[in-house]
Amino acid sequence: MEKDSKETKTNPAASAGLVSKIFFWWLNPLFRIGYKRKLEEEDMYDVLTEDRSKNLGQDLRRYWDVEIQKATKELRPPSLTKCIIKCYWKPYGVLGIFTLIEEVIKVIQPVFLGKMIIYFENYDPEDMAALYETLGYAAGLSVCSIGLALLHHLYFYHVQRTGMKIRVAMCHMIYNKALCLSSSAMGKTTTGQIVNLLSNDVNKFDDVTIFLHFLWVGPLQAAVVVGLLWMEIGPSCLAGMVVLMILMPMQTMFGRLFSKFRSKTASLTDDRIRMMNEVVSGIRIIKMYAWEKPFSALVSEVRRKEISKIMKMK
């Protein structure tokens, strides 16, 4: 008798040690299988308990219920942003330490390299103290390179995992909300809008979590770099900063323009998905009355407008 559901493999990340997690050794069995043959669905590991949609959705839902109660008492609309921050600020805040250490290493590396270059410019074979000092700089540069490689991949793994958790929790809440909508509420929205939320809009959480920490690390790094450049070349370093200060308003302007185009594209995408759902739902009537060409023209026109907005964004 065939089993209704296929057995899943236990995720080795759940029982992996500290060293295995740092070097991602727990993925070696999967890599070996992928090296020998094409990976299949049966080769995939089971999802970790803390990454399951049910658990993530329930965690965010608890904060959302509390926020609704507070908003009702304070006579204001509830804020989903506050719920996400309260639910994920601790694990995401720890990742900020990884970002800070990584950027510190990036600043220290050229300093060590500069000290080594100075030694070779003023090379003295009898100066053993300078030799040992340069060897220390070389060792420090090597340690920084290894540490940067480890921290970089650990940071991106965990920060993308955090973004994935937020995305999955949001999909869980959107799906539950769609199931609980009344008939009057369903008349104010469309299936295409819900599908677009689940398939496109929530994916932005994967991107924002990667770069959010650079909002506070970036200015600190810029200040330290300017200080080092001032020590080396003097006031001339300010010319580069002036260029950056000029580019920042331009980037802000382009960002707002991109956001404007993105909102228009999302609206057109909703219209296209809604129209396609209606076409698929009424395909029998369309075929019976030979309305394929008129409806094809309608879909093509909506798609043309959507592509036009997308091309303007690029």
Protein backbone atom coordinates (compact mmCIF):
# COMPACT_ATOMS: atom_id res chain seq x y z
CA MET A 1 0.00 0.00 0.00
CA GLU A 2 1.43 3.35 -1.05
CA LYS A 3 1.91 5.93 1.68
CA ASP A 4 -0.15 9.08 1.52
CA SER A 5 2.75 11.34 2.35
CA LYS A 6 6.44 10.93 1.73
CA GLU A 7 8.75 10.79 4.69
CA THR A 8 10.94 13.84 5.12
CA LYS A 9 14.53 13.89 6.29
CA THR A 10 15.37 15.44 9.63
CA ASN A 11 17.08 18.78 9.15
CA PRO A 12 20.73 18.40 10.29
CA ALA A 13 20.84 22.10 11.20
CA ALA A 14 18.73 21.31 14.27
CA SER A 15 21.45 19.13 15.81
CA ALA A 16 24.54 20.72 14.22
CA GLY A 17 27.34 21.91 16.48
CA LEU A 18 28.82 25.40 16.65
CA VAL A 19 31.70 24.64 14.26
CA SER A 20 29.35 22.92 11.83
CA LYS A 21 27.06 25.94 11.80
CA ILE A 22 29.95 28.37 11.28
CA PHE A 23 31.39 26.46 8.31
CA PHE A 24 28.03 25.08 7.07
CA TRP A 25 29.30 21.50 7.33
CA TRP A 26 25.76 20.31 8.02
CA LEU A 27 25.07 20.83 4.31
CA ASN A 28 27.83 18.44 3.17
CA PRO A 29 25.55 15.36 2.82
CA LEU A 30 23.22 17.34 0.55
CA PHE A 31 26.18 18.59 -1.49
CA ARG A 32 27.46 15.05 -1.93
CA ILE A 33 24.07 13.89 -3.23
CA GLY A 34 23.89 16.88 -5.57
CA TYR A 35 27.39 16.12 -6.85
CA LYS A 36 26.43 12.55 -7.75
CA ARG A 37 23.02 13.22 -9.29
CA LYS A 38 20.27 15.76 -9.75
CA LEU A 39 18.56 16.70 -6.49
CA GLU A 40 14.95 15.61 -6.06
CA GLU A 41 12.17 16.55 -3.68
CA GLU A 42 12.88 13.53 -1.48
CA ASP A 43 16.42 14.79 -0.88
CA MET A 44 15.25 18.01 0.76
CA TYR A 45 15.39 18.30 4.53
CA ASP A 46 12.39 18.93 6.73
CA VAL A 47 11.73 22.56 7.70
CA LEU A 48 12.99 23.56 11.12
CA THR A 49 10.32 23.92 13.79
CA GLU A 50 11.03 27.63 14.29
CA ASP A 51 10.74 28.22 10.53
CA ARG A 52 7.34 26.61 10.03
CA SER A 53 4.58 28.83 8.70
CA LYS A 54 2.22 27.90 11.54
CA ASN A 55 4.66 28.91 14.28
CA LEU A 56 5.83 32.09 12.55
CA GLY A 57 2.29 33.18 11.78
CA GLN A 58 1.11 32.57 15.33
CA ASP A 59 4.03 34.55 16.79
CA LEU A 60 3.28 37.59 14.62
CA ARG A 61 -0.45 37.16 15.18
CA ARG A 62 -0.02 37.50 18.94
CA TYR A 63 1.69 40.88 18.53
CA TRP A 64 -0.96 41.93 16.01
CA ASP A 65 -3.81 41.13 18.42
CA VAL A 66 -2.12 43.18 21.14
CA GLU A 67 -1.60 46.06 18.71
CA ILE A 68 -5.27 45.99 17.70
CA GLN A 69 -6.33 46.22 21.36
CA LYS A 70 -3.97 49.16 22.00
CA ALA A 71 -5.05 50.93 18.80
CA THR A 72 -8.72 50.51 19.75
CA LYS A 73 -8.11 52.09 23.16
CA GLU A 74 -6.02 54.93 21.71
CA LEU A 75 -8.46 55.53 18.82
CA ARG A 76 -5.86 55.11 16.09
CA PRO A 77 -5.31 52.64 13.24
CA PRO A 78 -3.15 49.61 14.15
CA SER A 79 0.43 49.60 12.88
CA LEU A 80 1.76 46.41 11.31
CA THR A 81 5.27 47.89 11.28
CA LYS A 82 5.29 48.07 15.08
CA CYS A 83 4.25 44.42 15.29
CA ILE A 84 7.04 43.30 12.97
CA ILE A 85 9.62 45.34 14.90
CA LYS A 86 8.48 43.98 18.28
CA CYS A 87 8.45 40.41 16.98
CA TYR A 88 11.84 40.38 15.23
CA TRP A 89 13.95 43.20 16.66
CA LYS A 90 15.97 40.96 18.99
CA PRO A 91 17.29 38.39 16.45
CA TYR A 92 17.70 41.08 13.81
CA GLY A 93 19.45 43.43 16.24
CA VAL A 94 22.06 40.76 17.01
CA LEU A 95 22.85 40.60 13.29
CA GLY A 96 23.78 44.28 13.49
CA ILE A 97 26.85 43.23 15.51
CA PHE A 98 27.92 41.03 12.59
CA THR A 99 27.53 44.00 10.24
CA LEU A 100 29.56 46.29 12.52
CA ILE A 101 32.41 43.78 12.91
CA GLU A 102 32.45 43.13 9.17
CA GLU A 103 32.71 46.83 8.32
CA VAL A 104 35.40 47.36 10.99
CA ILE A 105 37.44 44.58 9.38
CA LYS A 106 37.02 46.24 5.97
CA VAL A 107 38.46 49.47 7.43
CA ILE A 108 41.33 47.75 9.25
CA GLN A 109 42.50 45.75 6.21
CA PRO A 110 43.81 48.73 4.17
CA VAL A 111 45.51 50.09 7.32
CA PHE A 112 47.47 46.83 7.74
CA LEU A 113 48.25 46.78 4.04
CA GLY A 114 49.51 50.37 4.18
CA LYS A 115 51.86 49.53 7.07
CA MET A 116 53.28 46.63 5.05
CA ILE A 117 53.83 48.86 2.01
CA ILE A 118 55.66 51.41 4.17
CA TYR A 119 58.01 48.65 5.39
CA PHE A 120 58.92 47.63 1.82
CA GLU A 121 59.36 51.26 0.75
CA ASN A 122 61.85 51.82 3.57
CA TYR A 123 63.30 48.33 3.53
CA ASP A 124 66.22 47.80 5.91
CA PRO A 125 67.50 44.19 6.15
CA GLU A 126 69.09 44.88 9.55
CA ASP A 127 65.94 46.27 11.16
CA MET A 128 64.52 43.07 12.67
CA ALA A 129 61.99 44.93 14.82
CA ALA A 130 60.36 46.38 11.71
CA LEU A 131 60.37 42.90 10.12
CA TYR A 132 58.57 41.32 13.06
CA GLU A 133 56.11 44.20 13.13
CA THR A 134 55.38 43.72 9.42
CA LEU A 135 54.93 39.98 9.94
CA GLY A 136 52.37 40.85 12.61
CA TYR A 137 50.57 43.10 10.15
CA ALA A 138 50.64 40.30 7.56
CA ALA A 139 49.19 37.85 10.10
CA GLY A 140 46.53 40.39 11.05
CA LEU A 141 45.65 40.91 7.38
CA SER A 142 45.28 37.14 6.92
CA VAL A 143 43.09 36.82 10.01
CA CYS A 144 40.94 39.72 8.80
CA SER A 145 40.48 38.07 5.39
CA ILE A 146 39.44 34.75 6.95
CA GLY A 147 37.19 36.46 9.49
CA LEU A 148 35.58 38.60 6.79
CA ALA A 149 34.79 35.54 4.68
CA LEU A 150 33.21 33.73 7.63
CA LEU A 151 31.23 36.70 8.93
CA HIS A 152 30.03 37.74 5.48
CA HIS A 153 28.41 34.39 4.70
CA LEU A 154 27.06 33.93 8.23
CA TYR A 155 25.52 37.40 8.15
CA PHE A 156 23.84 36.90 4.77
CA TYR A 157 22.55 33.46 5.75
CA HIS A 158 20.96 34.64 8.98
CA VAL A 159 19.72 37.98 7.67
CA GLN A 160 18.05 36.32 4.68
CA ARG A 161 16.59 33.73 7.01
CA THR A 162 15.13 36.55 9.11
CA GLY A 163 13.65 38.11 5.98
CA MET A 164 12.23 34.72 5.06
CA LYS A 165 10.59 34.41 8.48
CA ILE A 166 8.93 37.81 8.14
CA ARG A 167 7.74 36.95 4.63
CA VAL A 168 6.32 33.59 5.67
CA ALA A 169 4.59 35.10 8.72
CA MET A 170 3.04 37.79 6.54
CA CYS A 171 1.83 35.20 4.00
CA HIS A 172 0.29 33.24 6.88
CA MET A 173 -1.61 36.30 8.12
CA ILE A 174 -2.72 37.36 4.62
CA TYR A 175 -4.01 33.87 3.85
CA ASN A 176 -5.91 33.63 7.16
CA LYS A 177 -7.35 37.10 6.60
CA ALA A 178 -8.50 36.14 3.09
CA LEU A 179 -10.31 33.10 4.48
CA CYS A 180 -12.11 35.21 7.09
CA LEU A 181 -13.27 38.03 4.79
CA SER A 182 -16.99 38.67 4.71
CA SER A 183 -18.99 39.03 1.49
CA SER A 184 -18.99 42.84 1.76
CA ALA A 185 -15.21 42.90 2.34
CA MET A 186 -14.64 40.57 -0.62
CA GLY A 187 -16.47 43.08 -2.79
CA LYS A 188 -13.86 45.74 -1.92
CA THR A 189 -10.90 43.62 -3.00
CA THR A 190 -10.03 41.19 -5.77
CA THR A 191 -8.44 37.79 -6.01
CA GLY A 192 -5.70 39.31 -8.14
CA GLN A 193 -4.79 41.76 -5.40
CA ILE A 194 -4.49 38.98 -2.83
CA VAL A 195 -2.43 36.83 -5.19
CA ASN A 196 -0.16 39.79 -5.94
CA LEU A 197 0.36 40.40 -2.22
CA LEU A 198 1.36 36.78 -1.66
CA SER A 199 3.53 36.40 -4.77
CA ASN A 200 5.21 39.79 -5.19
CA ASP A 201 4.79 42.34 -2.41
CA VAL A 202 5.90 40.18 0.52
CA ASN A 203 9.17 39.39 -1.30
CA LYS A 204 10.38 42.91 -0.45
CA PHE A 205 10.96 41.75 3.14
CA ASP A 206 13.78 39.54 1.82
CA ASP A 207 15.52 42.59 0.36
CA VAL A 208 14.99 45.16 3.09
CA THR A 209 16.45 42.98 5.85
CA ILE A 210 19.76 42.68 3.96
CA PHE A 211 20.47 46.41 3.72
CA LEU A 212 18.63 47.88 6.72
CA HIS A 213 21.63 47.72 9.06
CA PHE A 214 23.72 49.77 6.63
CA LEU A 215 21.57 52.80 7.45
CA TRP A 216 23.47 53.23 10.73
CA VAL A 217 26.72 51.41 9.89
CA GLY A 218 27.26 53.42 6.69
CA PRO A 219 27.63 56.86 8.34
CA LEU A 220 29.99 55.45 10.98
CA GLN A 221 32.13 53.81 8.33
CA ALA A 222 32.18 57.01 6.26
CA ALA A 223 33.31 59.06 9.26
CA VAL A 224 36.15 56.63 10.07
CA VAL A 225 37.28 56.50 6.43
CA VAL A 226 37.30 60.30 6.20
CA GLY A 227 39.39 60.44 9.39
CA LEU A 228 41.94 57.98 7.98
CA LEU A 229 42.09 59.82 4.65
CA TRP A 230 42.55 63.14 6.46
CA MET A 231 45.58 61.70 8.25
CA GLU A 232 47.05 60.50 4.95
CA ILE A 233 46.23 63.17 2.34
CA GLY A 234 44.77 66.03 4.35
CA PRO A 235 41.83 68.25 3.29
CA SER A 236 41.90 66.81 -0.25
CA CYS A 237 39.82 63.88 0.99
CA LEU A 238 36.84 66.21 1.43
CA ALA A 239 36.49 66.43 -2.37
CA GLY A 240 35.23 62.84 -2.46
CA MET A 241 32.81 63.51 0.39
CA VAL A 242 31.42 66.53 -1.46
CA VAL A 243 30.68 64.30 -4.44
CA LEU A 244 28.89 61.83 -2.15
CA MET A 245 26.87 64.63 -0.55
CA ILE A 246 25.80 65.78 -4.02
CA LEU A 247 24.82 62.24 -5.04
CA MET A 248 22.72 61.58 -1.93
CA PRO A 249 19.86 63.98 -2.88
CA MET A 250 19.94 62.56 -6.40
CA GLN A 251 19.62 59.03 -5.04
CA THR A 252 16.73 60.14 -2.83
CA MET A 253 14.99 61.69 -5.82
CA PHE A 254 15.48 58.56 -7.94
CA GLY A 255 14.28 56.42 -5.03
CA ARG A 256 11.04 58.38 -4.76
CA LEU A 257 10.58 58.22 -8.53
CA PHE A 258 11.17 54.46 -8.45
CA SER A 259 8.62 54.11 -5.64
CA LYS A 260 6.08 56.06 -7.69
CA PHE A 261 6.57 53.82 -10.72
CA ARG A 262 6.48 50.75 -8.50
CA SER A 263 3.08 51.69 -7.04
CA LYS A 264 1.68 52.23 -10.55
CA THR A 265 3.15 48.91 -11.70
CA ALA A 266 1.60 47.11 -8.73
CA SER A 267 -1.80 48.56 -9.62
CA LEU A 268 -1.46 47.38 -13.22
CA THR A 269 -0.28 43.97 -12.03
CA ASP A 270 -3.40 43.69 -9.86
CA ASP A 271 -5.57 44.52 -12.88
CA ARG A 272 -3.79 41.95 -15.05
CA ILE A 273 -4.08 39.16 -12.48
CA ARG A 274 -7.75 40.01 -11.84
CA MET A 275 -8.49 39.95 -15.56
CA MET A 276 -6.65 36.64 -16.05
CA ASN A 277 -8.60 35.08 -13.18
CA GLU A 278 -11.86 36.22 -14.75
CA VAL A 279 -10.79 34.87 -18.15
CA VAL A 280 -9.82 31.51 -16.70
CA SER A 281 -13.04 31.33 -14.69
CA GLY A 282 -15.19 32.06 -17.74
CA ILE A 283 -13.12 30.23 -20.35
CA ARG A 284 -16.05 27.99 -21.35
CA ILE A 285 -18.29 30.94 -22.19
CA ILE A 286 -15.44 32.68 -24.01
CA LYS A 287 -14.82 29.58 -26.15
CA MET A 288 -18.51 29.04 -26.77
CA TYR A 289 -19.04 32.56 -28.13
CA ALA A 290 -15.62 32.69 -29.86
CA TRP A 291 -14.48 35.70 -27.80
CA GLU A 292 -10.83 34.61 -27.72
CA LYS A 293 -9.46 37.49 -29.79
CA PRO A 294 -11.26 40.35 -27.96
CA PHE A 295 -10.22 39.01 -24.54
CA SER A 296 -6.70 38.32 -25.81
CA ALA A 297 -6.50 41.94 -26.92
CA LEU A 298 -7.67 43.12 -23.49
CA VAL A 299 -5.06 41.04 -21.69
CA SER A 300 -2.34 42.13 -24.12
CA GLU A 301 -3.21 45.79 -23.59
CA VAL A 302 -3.03 45.50 -19.80
CA ARG A 303 0.24 43.61 -20.07
CA ARG A 304 1.63 46.24 -22.47
CA LYS A 305 0.88 49.01 -19.96
CA GLU A 306 2.49 46.99 -17.17
CA ILE A 307 5.65 46.33 -19.22
CA SER A 308 5.78 50.02 -20.17
CA LYS A 309 5.88 51.02 -16.50
CA ILE A 310 8.50 48.36 -15.75
CA MET A 311 10.73 49.62 -18.57
CA LYS A 312 10.44 53.19 -17.24
CA MET A 313 11.70 51.94 -13.87
CA LYS A 314 14.82 50.59 -15.57
